[in-house]
Protein backbone atom coordinates (compact mmCIF):
# COMPACT_ATOMS: atom_id res chain seq x y z
CA UNK A 1 -29.86 38.45 -48.83
CA UNK A 2 -29.74 41.35 -46.68
CA UNK A 3 -31.67 39.15 -43.82
CA UNK A 4 -29.15 36.09 -44.24
CA UNK A 5 -26.27 38.48 -43.99
CA UNK A 6 -27.87 39.72 -40.58
CA UNK A 7 -28.56 36.27 -39.24
CA UNK A 8 -25.17 35.17 -39.97
CA UNK A 9 -23.48 38.20 -38.47
CA UNK A 10 -25.45 37.84 -35.16
CA UNK A 11 -24.58 33.97 -35.38
CA UNK A 12 -20.56 35.20 -35.35
CA UNK A 13 -21.25 37.62 -32.48
CA UNK A 14 -23.52 35.23 -30.46
CA UNK A 15 -20.65 32.61 -30.93
CA UNK A 16 -18.21 35.04 -29.87
CA UNK A 17 -20.18 36.23 -26.75
CA UNK A 18 -20.38 32.53 -25.61
CA UNK A 19 -16.52 31.87 -25.93
CA UNK A 20 -16.01 35.08 -24.34
CA UNK A 21 -18.19 34.19 -21.17
CA UNK A 22 -16.56 30.72 -21.19
CA UNK A 23 -13.26 32.33 -21.00
CA UNK A 24 -14.35 34.75 -18.17
CA UNK A 25 -16.35 32.17 -16.11
CA UNK A 26 -13.41 29.34 -16.58
CA UNK A 27 -12.02 28.53 -12.89
CA UNK A 28 -8.45 28.46 -12.68
CA UNK A 29 -6.73 26.83 -9.52
CA UNK A 30 -2.56 26.64 -9.56
CA UNK A 31 -1.38 23.56 -7.61
CA UNK A 32 2.02 22.94 -6.41
CA UNK A 33 4.08 20.11 -5.35
CA UNK A 34 7.35 17.84 -6.05
CA UNK A 35 6.65 16.50 -9.33
CA UNK A 36 7.85 13.06 -9.08
CA UNK A 37 6.51 12.46 -5.55
CA UNK A 38 3.86 9.82 -5.52
CA UNK A 39 1.04 11.50 -3.90
CA UNK A 40 1.36 14.48 -6.33
CA UNK A 41 1.34 12.19 -9.29
CA UNK A 42 -2.74 12.13 -9.25
CA UNK A 43 -2.66 15.69 -10.21
CA UNK A 44 -0.88 14.87 -13.39
CA UNK A 45 -3.30 11.76 -13.83
CA UNK A 46 -6.31 13.77 -13.63
CA UNK A 47 -5.08 16.04 -16.11
CA UNK A 48 -3.92 13.00 -18.46
CA UNK A 49 -7.57 11.63 -18.04
CA UNK A 50 -9.01 15.18 -18.44
CA UNK A 51 -10.61 15.00 -15.20
CA UNK A 52 -10.21 18.93 -14.70
CA UNK A 53 -11.67 19.47 -17.94
CA UNK A 54 -14.81 17.37 -17.06
CA UNK A 55 -15.19 19.39 -13.99
CA UNK A 56 -14.86 22.56 -15.56
CA UNK A 57 -11.45 23.78 -13.55
CA UNK A 58 -8.25 24.62 -15.27
CA UNK A 59 -5.52 23.39 -13.10
CA UNK A 60 -1.73 25.14 -13.62
CA UNK A 61 0.90 22.87 -11.83
CA UNK A 62 4.11 24.34 -10.65
CA UNK A 63 7.01 21.84 -9.60
CA UNK A 64 8.92 22.85 -6.15
CA UNK A 65 11.99 20.93 -4.95
CA UNK A 66 10.50 20.21 -1.43
CA UNK A 67 7.48 20.74 0.31
CA UNK A 68 8.65 23.42 2.44
CA UNK A 69 9.29 25.35 -1.05
CA UNK A 70 6.01 24.71 -1.61
CA UNK A 71 4.85 26.80 1.16
CA UNK A 72 7.08 29.48 0.62
CA UNK A 73 5.34 29.58 -3.11
CA UNK A 74 1.85 29.54 -1.59
CA UNK A 75 3.02 32.26 0.98
CA UNK A 76 4.08 34.21 -1.86
CA UNK A 77 0.78 33.95 -3.61
CA UNK A 78 2.47 31.92 -6.42
CA UNK A 79 0.35 28.98 -6.18
CA UNK A 80 -3.29 28.28 -4.44
CA UNK A 81 -3.06 24.69 -3.43
CA UNK A 82 0.10 22.63 -2.32
CA UNK A 83 1.07 19.11 -1.32
CA UNK A 84 2.63 19.66 2.43
CA UNK A 85 2.07 18.36 6.20
CA UNK A 86 0.54 19.60 9.19
CA UNK A 87 3.73 20.57 11.44
CA UNK A 88 5.15 22.33 8.42
CA UNK A 89 1.65 24.44 7.88
CA UNK A 90 1.80 25.09 11.72
CA UNK A 91 5.01 26.74 11.55
CA UNK A 92 3.78 28.79 8.43
CA UNK A 93 0.71 30.09 10.44
CA UNK A 94 2.85 30.78 13.61
CA UNK A 95 4.73 33.15 10.87
CA UNK A 96 1.58 34.89 9.72
CA UNK A 97 0.91 32.84 6.78
CA UNK A 98 -3.13 32.08 6.01
CA UNK A 99 -3.77 28.58 4.69
CA UNK A 100 -5.76 25.45 5.72
CA UNK A 101 -5.31 21.69 5.29
CA UNK A 102 -8.40 20.92 3.00
CA UNK A 103 -7.70 17.06 2.59
CA UNK A 104 -5.75 14.03 3.26
CA UNK A 105 -2.92 12.40 1.15
CA UNK A 106 -1.56 9.35 2.46
CA UNK A 107 -2.36 8.48 6.34
CA UNK A 108 0.84 6.74 7.14
CA UNK A 109 4.21 7.57 5.62
CA UNK A 110 4.69 4.32 3.38
CA UNK A 111 7.66 4.05 1.17
CA UNK A 112 9.33 6.58 3.85
CA UNK A 113 12.65 5.36 5.27
CA UNK A 114 15.85 6.42 7.11
CA UNK A 115 18.75 4.92 4.92
CA UNK A 116 22.17 4.31 4.92
CA UNK A 117 24.68 2.97 2.52
CA UNK A 118 24.35 -0.76 2.23
CA UNK A 119 28.02 -1.47 3.54
CA UNK A 120 27.11 1.33 6.69
CA UNK A 121 28.10 0.01 10.05
CA UNK A 122 24.88 1.53 10.80
CA UNK A 123 21.82 -0.90 11.45
CA UNK A 124 19.03 0.37 13.50
CA UNK A 125 17.41 3.62 14.66
CA UNK A 126 19.43 3.36 17.97
CA UNK A 127 22.96 3.94 15.88
CA UNK A 128 21.65 7.26 14.56
CA UNK A 129 22.58 9.00 17.87
CA UNK A 130 25.10 12.00 16.92
CA UNK A 131 25.54 10.96 13.42
CA UNK A 132 24.57 13.35 10.43
CA UNK A 133 21.20 12.76 8.68
CA UNK A 134 20.53 14.24 5.26
CA UNK A 135 17.15 15.93 4.76
CA UNK A 136 15.83 18.23 1.88
CA UNK A 137 15.47 21.13 3.57
CA UNK A 138 14.95 22.91 7.21
CA UNK A 139 11.15 22.64 8.06
CA UNK A 140 10.28 20.04 5.68
CA UNK A 141 8.80 16.80 6.23
CA UNK A 142 12.39 15.06 5.86
CA UNK A 143 13.69 17.40 8.82
CA UNK A 144 10.66 16.68 10.94
CA UNK A 145 11.21 12.72 10.46
CA UNK A 146 15.04 13.04 10.92
CA UNK A 147 14.06 14.63 14.19
CA UNK A 148 11.75 11.83 15.22
CA UNK A 149 14.22 9.26 14.43
CA UNK A 150 16.79 10.85 16.58
CA UNK A 151 14.38 11.10 19.51
CA UNK A 152 14.13 7.27 18.94
CA UNK A 153 17.63 6.88 19.01
CA UNK A 154 18.04 8.46 22.51
CA UNK A 155 19.91 11.42 21.39
CA UNK A 156 20.22 14.15 18.95
CA UNK A 157 21.51 14.46 15.25
CA UNK A 158 22.71 16.99 12.85
CA UNK A 159 20.11 17.35 10.49
CA UNK A 160 21.76 18.67 7.11
CA UNK A 161 19.82 19.96 4.26
CA UNK A 162 21.01 19.11 0.84
CA UNK A 163 17.61 19.35 -1.46
CA UNK A 164 16.03 16.31 -2.78
CA UNK A 165 18.26 15.93 -5.55
CA UNK A 166 21.33 15.99 -3.23
CA UNK A 167 19.90 13.01 -0.79
CA UNK A 168 21.35 10.03 -2.72
CA UNK A 169 24.71 11.49 -3.88
CA UNK A 170 25.34 12.78 -0.34
CA UNK A 171 24.80 9.37 1.12
CA UNK A 172 26.84 7.64 -1.21
CA UNK A 173 29.57 9.87 -0.96
CA UNK A 174 29.75 9.78 2.89
CA UNK A 175 29.09 13.45 3.40
CA UNK A 176 26.26 12.41 5.53
CA UNK A 177 25.54 9.29 7.74
CA UNK A 178 21.95 8.66 6.45
CA UNK A 179 19.04 10.40 4.86
CA UNK A 180 15.50 10.67 5.18
CA UNK A 181 14.52 8.88 1.89
CA UNK A 182 10.78 9.60 0.74
CA UNK A 183 9.45 7.44 -2.44
CA UNK A 184 10.56 6.98 -4.99
CA UNK A 185 13.87 7.68 -3.58
CA UNK A 186 13.72 4.90 -1.26
CA UNK A 187 12.57 2.13 -3.95
CA UNK A 188 15.49 3.24 -6.13
CA UNK A 189 18.11 2.48 -3.23
CA UNK A 190 16.34 -0.58 -1.89
CA UNK A 191 16.04 -2.31 -5.29
CA UNK A 192 19.54 -1.13 -6.46
CA UNK A 193 20.88 -2.28 -3.31
CA UNK A 194 22.89 0.65 -2.88
CA UNK A 195 21.16 1.44 0.38
CA UNK A 196 19.52 -0.20 3.33
CA UNK A 197 16.44 0.69 5.69
CA UNK A 198 17.30 1.46 9.19
CA UNK A 199 13.68 3.01 9.75
CA UNK A 200 10.84 2.05 7.96
CA UNK A 201 8.45 5.14 9.21
CA UNK A 202 5.42 3.59 7.07
CA UNK A 203 5.47 0.50 10.04
CA UNK A 204 7.01 2.42 12.86
CA UNK A 205 4.90 5.50 13.02
CA UNK A 206 1.02 5.76 13.72
CA UNK A 207 -1.51 7.63 11.35
CA UNK A 208 0.16 11.18 11.30
CA UNK A 209 -0.62 12.62 7.74
CA UNK A 210 2.75 12.83 6.03
CA UNK A 211 1.39 14.53 3.53
CA UNK A 212 -2.00 16.73 3.24
CA UNK A 213 -3.53 19.23 0.83
CA UNK A 214 -3.25 22.85 1.73
CA UNK A 215 -5.10 25.64 0.33
CA UNK A 216 -4.66 29.47 1.06
CA UNK A 217 -7.47 30.93 2.83
CA UNK A 218 -7.47 33.47 0.35
CA UNK A 219 -8.46 30.74 -2.38
CA UNK A 220 -11.06 29.16 -0.15
CA UNK A 221 -12.86 32.50 0.73
CA UNK A 222 -12.53 33.75 -2.88
CA UNK A 223 -13.47 30.39 -5.17
CA UNK A 224 -14.42 27.65 -2.74
CA UNK A 225 -16.28 26.01 -6.02
CA UNK A 226 -12.59 25.79 -7.71
CA UNK A 227 -10.93 24.32 -4.65
CA UNK A 228 -13.97 21.60 -4.48
CA UNK A 229 -13.79 21.07 -8.11
CA UNK A 230 -9.62 20.68 -7.92
CA UNK A 231 -9.75 18.38 -5.21
CA UNK A 232 -12.86 16.30 -6.95
CA UNK A 233 -10.46 16.03 -9.71
CA UNK A 234 -7.32 14.65 -7.62
CA UNK A 235 -9.24 12.36 -5.81
CA UNK A 236 -11.24 10.94 -8.64
CA UNK A 237 -7.68 10.43 -10.45
CA UNK A 238 -6.47 8.39 -7.13
CA UNK A 239 -9.84 6.33 -7.32
CA UNK A 240 -8.90 5.42 -10.98
CA UNK A 241 -5.14 4.83 -10.19
CA UNK A 242 -5.95 2.55 -7.46
CA UNK A 243 -8.28 0.46 -9.72
CA UNK A 244 -6.25 0.10 -12.65
CA UNK A 245 -2.70 -0.77 -12.01
CA UNK A 246 -1.47 -1.37 -15.42
CA UNK A 247 -2.53 2.15 -16.62
CA UNK A 248 -1.15 3.32 -13.24
CA UNK A 249 2.41 1.94 -13.59
CA UNK A 250 2.56 2.85 -17.18
CA UNK A 251 1.57 6.35 -16.17
CA UNK A 252 4.32 6.72 -13.87
CA UNK A 253 6.86 5.26 -15.78
CA UNK A 254 6.21 7.75 -18.50
CA UNK A 255 5.68 10.94 -16.09
CA UNK A 256 7.85 10.20 -13.61
CA UNK A 257 10.70 8.53 -15.78
CA UNK A 258 10.79 5.68 -13.70
CA UNK A 259 11.85 2.23 -14.53
CA UNK A 260 9.24 -0.17 -14.29
CA UNK A 261 10.19 -1.93 -11.20
CA UNK A 262 10.39 1.06 -9.26
CA UNK A 263 6.93 2.26 -10.72
CA UNK A 264 5.38 -0.88 -9.46
CA UNK A 265 6.83 -0.42 -6.13
CA UNK A 266 5.56 3.27 -6.43
CA UNK A 267 2.01 1.87 -7.14
CA UNK A 268 1.92 -0.88 -4.53
CA UNK A 269 3.32 1.08 -1.58
CA UNK A 270 2.25 4.77 -2.47
CA UNK A 271 -0.53 5.05 -4.76
CA UNK A 272 -2.55 2.02 -2.83
CA UNK A 273 -2.02 3.85 0.40
CA UNK A 274 -3.39 7.09 -0.83
CA UNK A 275 -6.87 8.19 0.72
CA UNK A 276 -9.45 8.03 -1.88
CA UNK A 277 -11.57 10.58 -0.64
CA UNK A 278 -9.44 13.28 1.45
CA UNK A 279 -11.25 12.46 4.75
CA UNK A 280 -9.74 14.43 7.73
CA UNK A 281 -9.79 13.85 11.57
CA UNK A 282 -8.80 16.03 14.26
CA UNK A 283 -6.77 13.06 16.00
CA UNK A 284 -4.83 12.36 12.92
CA UNK A 285 -3.67 16.18 12.64
CA UNK A 286 -2.85 16.12 16.29
CA UNK A 287 -0.58 13.04 15.93
CA UNK A 288 1.01 14.81 13.34
CA UNK A 289 1.85 18.01 14.99
CA UNK A 290 3.66 15.91 17.77
CA UNK A 291 6.60 16.03 15.39
CA UNK A 292 6.46 19.80 15.57
CA UNK A 293 6.60 19.47 19.66
CA UNK A 294 9.88 17.36 18.80
CA UNK A 295 11.44 20.32 17.22
CA UNK A 296 10.83 22.38 20.12
CA UNK A 297 8.34 24.57 18.19
CA UNK A 298 5.96 26.81 20.47
CA UNK A 299 2.75 28.54 20.24
CA UNK A 300 1.60 26.85 17.29
CA UNK A 301 -2.20 26.36 16.25
CA UNK A 302 -4.07 23.58 17.84
CA UNK A 303 -5.02 20.91 15.60
CA UNK A 304 -8.55 22.05 15.18
CA UNK A 305 -7.53 25.14 13.73
CA UNK A 306 -5.37 23.54 11.15
CA UNK A 307 -7.98 21.81 9.01
CA UNK A 308 -11.41 22.08 7.26
CA UNK A 309 -13.84 19.35 6.29
CA UNK A 310 -16.01 21.51 4.26
CA UNK A 311 -14.48 20.01 0.97
CA UNK A 312 -14.18 16.14 2.36
CA UNK A 313 -15.12 13.43 1.48
CA UNK A 314 -15.02 13.89 -1.83
CA UNK A 315 -17.47 12.01 -4.12
CA UNK A 316 -15.51 10.99 -7.01
CA UNK A 317 -16.24 10.96 -10.77
CA UNK A 318 -15.13 8.92 -13.63
CA UNK A 319 -13.01 9.97 -16.44
């Protein structure tokens, strides 16, 4: 009887120790991004598909209003990995932020447009000189794309940061002449016919990595395996999403609270255009940094110092 009791007690202790050891060894990664932005949705998809669980990593997601806000969160050590883009990272590194690109998102800005009201007298990029262009925030992807559009117009333009939620209202009210619309905002405007495209960045720009995954140098050094697992989960979700359109469209409807026709556009234009393994090339990063040159930013790190290929290409797993 006593022997049985001892065995039972030892079993309970062993179970408790196993649970404790599991909790201590569990790896956690904090990821940040704009929640309803297409290239960021695979994080939520990986959680839905339990890919992170399968890989043994816990992911905590934080929503930011813009990529620039996410970069501030990374600099403040609130998150470990964010979705951003190379010129913004270069600017942050020049200010002392220690972070590195660890994986590609989209190669070209599919679904990104300069848009104006449907009844606007503006009809092409040439009409943007000396106009007011709405962006999300200073130093964001939208800000740099507005600079590029102004350069193509052959003049300058006033960039007005209005925040992501403020882009459409400010355009429709006439507070700005045009906006840099990212997906799914651009799809919403095109399908509703409330807006028209003046510039389709996805067609006009070469490969320039409009979004990438950026990790703090601290997490890369401290927990490289956790970074690798997090990226594997994200890219595995992308592979699954690209191969399963019905599941993906329904997931986007539910997760991003989109109408099905907009979710379908998001799938066809954004999700299908995402890198499926994160491969990075120096010439792509260098092309992206040309946007920083347009902004007159000096003394930024060269492309080769902005990224690492130690985590890519990713070998995806199945749910």
